[in-house]
Amino acid sequence: PQLPHGHMPLPSFWKVVEDSLQQSGAQLRAFCQAFETVTPSPGTQPLTPAEERKVLSLVSKHGPDKLYQVTSNISGSRDLDLTLLRGQIVALLQSSDTKGNTSRWLVDAGGPRGFVPAAKLRPY
């Protein structure tokens, strides 16, 4: 198949490629900025009444200093892994898994208990 710019001298062709890449990059940056403006940061997400009740029960069971918020969606892949959504509140039960791995924490998600990646949690 003949490229639309196949007849151009090479330097001009690369200039066209470069320009279209820069334009795509600018569009992508604009899209990302718009997306960040529309989605609230996890810190400001309002909790649903059901989530709020769950948080209160977690606080009463584990204390406020044990609460963490999920910073991005987690899909559990192994046995005992939890699948959680960004913004959910969990209580830390143990800062390692059964093998002593500290990158996976045991948490109480207000009912289900299981392991989640520590990197996807931040103090609430």
C-alpha atoms as a PDB file:
ATOM      1  CA  PRO A   1       0.000   0.000   0.000  1.00  0.00           C
ATOM      2  CA  GLN A   2       1.201   3.484  -0.920  1.00  0.00           C
ATOM      3  CA  LEU A   3       1.652   5.818   2.080  1.00  0.00           C
ATOM      4  CA  PRO A   4       0.023   9.227   1.585  1.00  0.00           C
ATOM      5  CA  HIS A   5       3.409  10.872   2.253  1.00  0.00           C
ATOM      6  CA  GLY A   6       5.445   8.314   0.287  1.00  0.00           C
ATOM      7  CA  HIS A   7       6.393  10.844  -2.391  1.00  0.00           C
ATOM      8  CA  MET A   8       7.899  13.316   0.112  1.00  0.00           C
ATOM      9  CA  PRO A   9      11.614  13.695   0.719  1.00  0.00           C
ATOM     10  CA  LEU A  10      12.636  11.981   3.949  1.00  0.00           C
ATOM     11  CA  PRO A  11      13.281  15.114   6.090  1.00  0.00           C
ATOM     12  CA  SER A  12       9.812  16.470   5.234  1.00  0.00           C
ATOM     13  CA  PHE A  13       8.250  13.090   5.964  1.00  0.00           C
ATOM     14  CA  TRP A  14       9.859  12.989   9.442  1.00  0.00           C
ATOM     15  CA  LYS A  15       8.660  16.556  10.040  1.00  0.00           C
ATOM     16  CA  VAL A  16       5.062  15.449   9.306  1.00  0.00           C
ATOM     17  CA  VAL A  17       5.465  12.435  11.633  1.00  0.00           C
ATOM     18  CA  GLU A  18       6.935  14.609  14.387  1.00  0.00           C
ATOM     19  CA  ASP A  19       4.169  17.231  14.060  1.00  0.00           C
ATOM     20  CA  SER A  20       1.405  14.649  14.271  1.00  0.00           C
ATOM     21  CA  LEU A  21       3.059  13.010  17.300  1.00  0.00           C
ATOM     22  CA  GLN A  22       3.336  16.392  19.038  1.00  0.00           C
ATOM     23  CA  GLN A  23      -0.311  17.090  18.269  1.00  0.00           C
ATOM     24  CA  SER A  24      -1.349  13.693  19.664  1.00  0.00           C
ATOM     25  CA  GLY A  25       0.765  14.315  22.770  1.00  0.00           C
ATOM     26  CA  ALA A  26      -0.880  17.701  23.321  1.00  0.00           C
ATOM     27  CA  GLN A  27      -4.341  16.142  22.926  1.00  0.00           C
ATOM     28  CA  LEU A  28      -3.439  13.408  25.404  1.00  0.00           C
ATOM     29  CA  ARG A  29      -2.181  15.958  27.954  1.00  0.00           C
ATOM     30  CA  ALA A  30      -5.355  18.022  27.532  1.00  0.00           C
ATOM     31  CA  PHE A  31      -7.450  14.891  28.017  1.00  0.00           C
ATOM     32  CA  CYS A  32      -5.528  13.909  31.167  1.00  0.00           C
ATOM     33  CA  GLN A  33      -5.958  17.392  32.648  1.00  0.00           C
ATOM     34  CA  ALA A  34      -9.679  17.342  31.897  1.00  0.00           C
ATOM     35  CA  PHE A  35      -9.977  13.883  33.439  1.00  0.00           C
ATOM     36  CA  GLU A  36      -8.182  14.969  36.642  1.00  0.00           C
ATOM     37  CA  THR A  37     -10.484  17.991  36.903  1.00  0.00           C
ATOM     38  CA  VAL A  38     -13.614  15.835  36.610  1.00  0.00           C
ATOM     39  CA  THR A  39     -12.615  13.034  39.009  1.00  0.00           C
ATOM     40  CA  PRO A  40     -12.198  14.074  42.640  1.00  0.00           C
ATOM     41  CA  SER A  41      -9.019  12.984  44.369  1.00  0.00           C
ATOM     42  CA  PRO A  42      -9.523   9.936  46.628  1.00  0.00           C
ATOM     43  CA  GLY A  43      -9.121  12.139  49.697  1.00  0.00           C
ATOM     44  CA  THR A  44     -12.269  14.117  48.956  1.00  0.00           C
ATOM     45  CA  GLN A  45     -14.562  11.271  47.946  1.00  0.00           C
ATOM     46  CA  PRO A  46     -17.751  11.438  49.979  1.00  0.00           C
ATOM     47  CA  LEU A  47     -18.677   8.156  51.633  1.00  0.00           C
ATOM     48  CA  THR A  48     -22.067   6.583  51.108  1.00  0.00           C
ATOM     49  CA  PRO A  49     -24.173   6.082  54.267  1.00  0.00           C
ATOM     50  CA  ALA A  50     -23.423   2.334  54.057  1.00  0.00           C
ATOM     51  CA  GLU A  51     -19.664   3.018  53.785  1.00  0.00           C
ATOM     52  CA  GLU A  52     -19.923   5.461  56.688  1.00  0.00           C
ATOM     53  CA  ARG A  53     -21.553   2.827  58.913  1.00  0.00           C
ATOM     54  CA  LYS A  54     -18.839   0.378  57.905  1.00  0.00           C
ATOM     55  CA  VAL A  55     -16.116   2.921  58.764  1.00  0.00           C
ATOM     56  CA  LEU A  56     -17.713   3.558  62.182  1.00  0.00           C
ATOM     57  CA  SER A  57     -17.805  -0.163  62.890  1.00  0.00           C
ATOM     58  CA  LEU A  58     -14.162  -0.545  61.770  1.00  0.00           C
ATOM     59  CA  VAL A  59     -13.154   2.366  64.038  1.00  0.00           C
ATOM     60  CA  SER A  60     -14.953   0.866  67.012  1.00  0.00           C
ATOM     61  CA  LYS A  61     -13.369  -2.561  66.383  1.00  0.00           C
ATOM     62  CA  HIS A  62      -9.825  -1.543  65.426  1.00  0.00           C
ATOM     63  CA  GLY A  63      -9.340   2.148  66.335  1.00  0.00           C
ATOM     64  CA  PRO A  64      -8.954   5.145  63.988  1.00  0.00           C
ATOM     65  CA  ASP A  65      -5.179   4.772  63.588  1.00  0.00           C
ATOM     66  CA  LYS A  66      -5.656   1.402  61.835  1.00  0.00           C
ATOM     67  CA  LEU A  67      -7.835   2.788  59.021  1.00  0.00           C
ATOM     68  CA  TYR A  68      -6.541   2.969  55.459  1.00  0.00           C
ATOM     69  CA  GLN A  69      -8.096   4.094  52.215  1.00  0.00           C
ATOM     70  CA  VAL A  70      -7.684   2.164  48.972  1.00  0.00           C
ATOM     71  CA  THR A  71      -5.906   4.450  46.465  1.00  0.00           C
ATOM     72  CA  SER A  72      -6.744   2.473  43.313  1.00  0.00           C
ATOM     73  CA  ASN A  73      -8.899  -0.495  42.365  1.00  0.00           C
ATOM     74  CA  ILE A  74      -7.527  -3.830  43.567  1.00  0.00           C
ATOM     75  CA  SER A  75      -8.463  -7.109  41.927  1.00  0.00           C
ATOM     76  CA  GLY A  76      -7.417 -10.019  44.104  1.00  0.00           C
ATOM     77  CA  SER A  77      -5.639 -12.699  42.103  1.00  0.00           C
ATOM     78  CA  ARG A  78      -4.711 -15.258  44.770  1.00  0.00           C
ATOM     79  CA  ASP A  79      -6.638 -17.106  47.436  1.00  0.00           C
ATOM     80  CA  LEU A  80      -7.418 -14.839  50.378  1.00  0.00           C
ATOM     81  CA  ASP A  81      -6.853 -11.703  48.251  1.00  0.00           C
ATOM     82  CA  LEU A  82      -9.586  -9.078  48.420  1.00  0.00           C
ATOM     83  CA  THR A  83     -11.046  -7.226  45.441  1.00  0.00           C
ATOM     84  CA  LEU A  84     -11.655  -3.602  46.481  1.00  0.00           C
ATOM     85  CA  LEU A  85     -12.575  -0.346  44.801  1.00  0.00           C
ATOM     86  CA  ARG A  86     -10.665   2.924  45.001  1.00  0.00           C
ATOM     87  CA  GLY A  87     -11.856   5.003  47.957  1.00  0.00           C
ATOM     88  CA  GLN A  88     -12.937   2.049  50.106  1.00  0.00           C
ATOM     89  CA  ILE A  89     -11.907   2.120  53.757  1.00  0.00           C
ATOM     90  CA  VAL A  90     -10.288  -0.897  55.389  1.00  0.00           C
ATOM     91  CA  ALA A  91      -8.741  -1.608  58.787  1.00  0.00           C
ATOM     92  CA  LEU A  92      -5.221  -2.972  59.031  1.00  0.00           C
ATOM     93  CA  LEU A  93      -5.044  -6.275  60.907  1.00  0.00           C
ATOM     94  CA  GLN A  94      -1.441  -7.226  60.126  1.00  0.00           C
ATOM     95  CA  SER A  95       1.241  -5.479  58.049  1.00  0.00           C
ATOM     96  CA  SER A  96       2.442  -8.710  56.409  1.00  0.00           C
ATOM     97  CA  ASP A  97       1.001 -11.907  54.956  1.00  0.00           C
ATOM     98  CA  THR A  98       1.280 -15.412  56.423  1.00  0.00           C
ATOM     99  CA  LYS A  99       4.781 -15.816  54.924  1.00  0.00           C
ATOM    100  CA  GLY A 100       5.979 -12.526  56.448  1.00  0.00           C
ATOM    101  CA  ASN A 101       5.791 -10.652  53.125  1.00  0.00           C
ATOM    102  CA  THR A 102       5.330  -6.969  54.107  1.00  0.00           C
ATOM    103  CA  SER A 103       4.155  -5.854  50.653  1.00  0.00           C
ATOM    104  CA  ARG A 104       0.812  -7.653  51.280  1.00  0.00           C
ATOM    105  CA  TRP A 105      -1.260  -6.593  54.279  1.00  0.00           C
ATOM    106  CA  LEU A 106      -4.090  -8.408  56.010  1.00  0.00           C
ATOM    107  CA  VAL A 107      -7.096  -6.091  56.251  1.00  0.00           C
ATOM    108  CA  ASP A 108     -10.691  -6.116  57.434  1.00  0.00           C
ATOM    109  CA  ALA A 109     -12.932  -4.622  54.742  1.00  0.00           C
ATOM    110  CA  GLY A 110     -15.911  -4.413  57.074  1.00  0.00           C
ATOM    111  CA  GLY A 111     -16.869  -8.063  56.767  1.00  0.00           C
ATOM    112  CA  PRO A 112     -14.565  -9.814  54.347  1.00  0.00           C
ATOM    113  CA  ARG A 113     -10.967 -10.140  55.498  1.00  0.00           C
ATOM    114  CA  GLY A 114      -8.035 -10.796  53.241  1.00  0.00           C
ATOM    115  CA  PHE A 115      -4.802  -9.578  51.721  1.00  0.00           C
ATOM    116  CA  VAL A 116      -4.212  -6.455  49.639  1.00  0.00           C
ATOM    117  CA  PRO A 117      -1.056  -4.824  48.203  1.00  0.00           C
ATOM    118  CA  ALA A 118       0.284  -2.420  50.842  1.00  0.00           C
ATOM    119  CA  ALA A 119       1.274   0.031  48.085  1.00  0.00           C
ATOM    120  CA  LYS A 120      -2.401   0.612  47.254  1.00  0.00           C
ATOM    121  CA  LEU A 121      -3.298   1.734  50.789  1.00  0.00           C
ATOM    122  CA  ARG A 122      -2.763   5.067  52.478  1.00  0.00           C
ATOM    123  CA  PRO A 123      -3.618   6.179  56.017  1.00  0.00           C
ATOM    124  CA  TYR A 124      -7.185   7.479  56.178  1.00  0.00           C
END
